[in-house]
């Protein structure tokens, strides 16, 4: 089992910045990707960004140029630096980790952290 603990959400004004962190612990061997999804009220959960253990990143178009995902493999932690935040970025953000173990893929989720962008 993998446990994910998120931190860094909060209330910020439009144009502001926040940094989310997600630390993985437990049986972490085999984790090859980590990232963030978000879900706004009444909307489907969407992938925001992810990063592989090799450093390959992927972003949803709406955050490109504003958000940066990074990863500290030694600390099993992934970060999401969010700049130039917009009200439409308001959502619950969920960290996830994808693990390959004995030829099976497992997804693990954090508890979620709320990001609210409002003046």
Protein backbone atom coordinates (compact mmCIF):
# COMPACT_ATOMS: atom_id res chain seq x y z
CA UNK A 1 0.00 0.00 0.00
CA UNK A 2 1.03 3.54 -0.73
CA UNK A 3 -0.04 6.50 1.35
CA UNK A 4 -0.15 10.00 -0.13
CA UNK A 5 -0.25 13.12 2.01
CA UNK A 6 -0.99 16.44 0.35
CA UNK A 7 -0.44 19.97 1.58
CA UNK A 8 -0.41 23.51 0.29
CA UNK A 9 -3.96 24.33 -0.71
CA UNK A 10 -5.79 27.45 0.36
CA UNK A 11 -7.43 30.68 -0.68
CA UNK A 12 -5.61 32.99 -3.07
CA UNK A 13 -6.54 36.02 -5.13
CA UNK A 14 -6.60 35.86 -8.92
CA UNK A 15 -3.09 36.19 -10.28
CA UNK A 16 -1.60 34.71 -7.13
CA UNK A 17 0.43 31.56 -6.58
CA UNK A 18 0.24 28.40 -4.55
CA UNK A 19 2.48 25.38 -4.26
CA UNK A 20 1.03 21.95 -3.62
CA UNK A 21 3.09 19.10 -2.21
CA UNK A 22 2.39 15.38 -2.09
CA UNK A 23 4.57 12.95 -0.18
CA UNK A 24 4.38 9.21 -0.80
CA UNK A 25 5.15 6.64 1.87
CA UNK A 26 4.68 2.95 2.47
CA UNK A 27 5.39 0.38 -0.25
CA UNK A 28 6.67 2.93 -2.77
CA UNK A 29 8.83 0.64 -4.87
CA UNK A 30 7.59 0.59 -8.44
CA UNK A 31 5.94 4.03 -8.49
CA UNK A 32 6.62 5.32 -11.98
CA UNK A 33 4.28 8.29 -12.23
CA UNK A 34 2.81 10.86 -9.89
CA UNK A 35 0.58 13.79 -10.55
CA UNK A 36 -2.46 15.85 -9.78
CA UNK A 37 -6.09 15.70 -10.74
CA UNK A 38 -8.69 18.29 -9.85
CA UNK A 39 -12.43 18.32 -9.53
CA UNK A 40 -14.62 21.38 -9.39
CA UNK A 41 -18.23 21.23 -8.16
CA UNK A 42 -20.48 19.77 -10.83
CA UNK A 43 -17.58 18.86 -13.10
CA UNK A 44 -15.70 15.70 -13.86
CA UNK A 45 -12.31 15.05 -12.40
CA UNK A 46 -9.56 16.06 -14.83
CA UNK A 47 -5.86 15.44 -15.03
CA UNK A 48 -3.94 18.64 -14.33
CA UNK A 49 -0.35 17.43 -14.66
CA UNK A 50 1.77 14.37 -14.13
CA UNK A 51 5.41 13.42 -14.15
CA UNK A 52 7.20 10.13 -14.62
CA UNK A 53 10.13 8.89 -12.60
CA UNK A 54 12.27 9.82 -15.59
CA UNK A 55 11.05 13.39 -15.51
CA UNK A 56 8.65 13.41 -18.45
CA UNK A 57 5.84 15.86 -17.78
CA UNK A 58 2.33 16.26 -19.11
CA UNK A 59 -0.12 19.14 -18.61
CA UNK A 60 -3.71 19.86 -19.45
CA UNK A 61 -3.83 22.70 -21.97
CA UNK A 62 -5.56 25.11 -19.60
CA UNK A 63 -2.59 25.21 -17.20
CA UNK A 64 0.32 25.14 -19.63
CA UNK A 65 2.66 28.04 -19.01
CA UNK A 66 1.19 28.67 -15.56
CA UNK A 67 1.68 25.44 -13.62
CA UNK A 68 4.88 23.48 -13.17
CA UNK A 69 5.09 19.95 -11.83
CA UNK A 70 8.31 18.64 -10.35
CA UNK A 71 9.41 15.64 -8.41
CA UNK A 72 11.99 14.85 -5.75
CA UNK A 73 12.60 11.15 -6.23
CA UNK A 74 14.82 10.92 -3.15
CA UNK A 75 11.98 12.20 -0.97
CA UNK A 76 9.19 10.54 -2.97
CA UNK A 77 7.48 13.89 -3.22
CA UNK A 78 5.80 15.66 -6.10
CA UNK A 79 5.15 19.39 -6.26
CA UNK A 80 2.75 21.52 -8.26
CA UNK A 81 3.73 25.16 -8.53
CA UNK A 82 0.68 27.12 -9.61
CA UNK A 83 1.18 30.67 -10.83
CA UNK A 84 -1.17 33.21 -12.38
CA UNK A 85 -4.11 31.46 -10.78
CA UNK A 86 -7.56 32.05 -12.18
CA UNK A 87 -11.00 31.60 -10.62
CA UNK A 88 -11.55 28.63 -12.93
CA UNK A 89 -8.65 26.87 -11.20
CA UNK A 90 -10.82 26.59 -8.11
CA UNK A 91 -11.24 22.91 -7.31
CA UNK A 92 -10.27 20.11 -4.99
CA UNK A 93 -6.84 18.90 -6.07
CA UNK A 94 -5.96 15.24 -5.65
CA UNK A 95 -2.52 13.76 -5.77
CA UNK A 96 -2.13 10.35 -7.36
CA UNK A 97 0.62 7.78 -7.73
CA UNK A 98 0.75 4.97 -10.26
CA UNK A 99 2.64 1.86 -9.35
CA UNK A 100 3.69 -1.21 -11.29
CA UNK A 101 3.87 -4.27 -9.10
CA UNK A 102 4.10 -7.86 -10.33
CA UNK A 103 2.89 -6.80 -13.78
CA UNK A 104 -0.18 -5.04 -12.39
CA UNK A 105 -0.82 -1.32 -12.27
CA UNK A 106 -2.19 0.26 -9.10
CA UNK A 107 -3.42 3.81 -8.62
CA UNK A 108 -3.34 5.49 -5.22
CA UNK A 109 -4.99 8.76 -4.24
CA UNK A 110 -4.48 11.42 -1.66
CA UNK A 111 -7.30 12.87 0.41
CA UNK A 112 -7.49 16.06 -1.62
CA UNK A 113 -6.68 19.67 -0.88
CA UNK A 114 -8.91 22.61 -1.71
CA UNK A 115 -7.69 25.45 -3.89
CA UNK A 116 -9.94 28.50 -4.05
CA UNK A 117 -9.11 31.43 -6.30
CA UNK A 118 -11.25 34.42 -5.46
CA UNK A 119 -11.02 38.12 -4.77
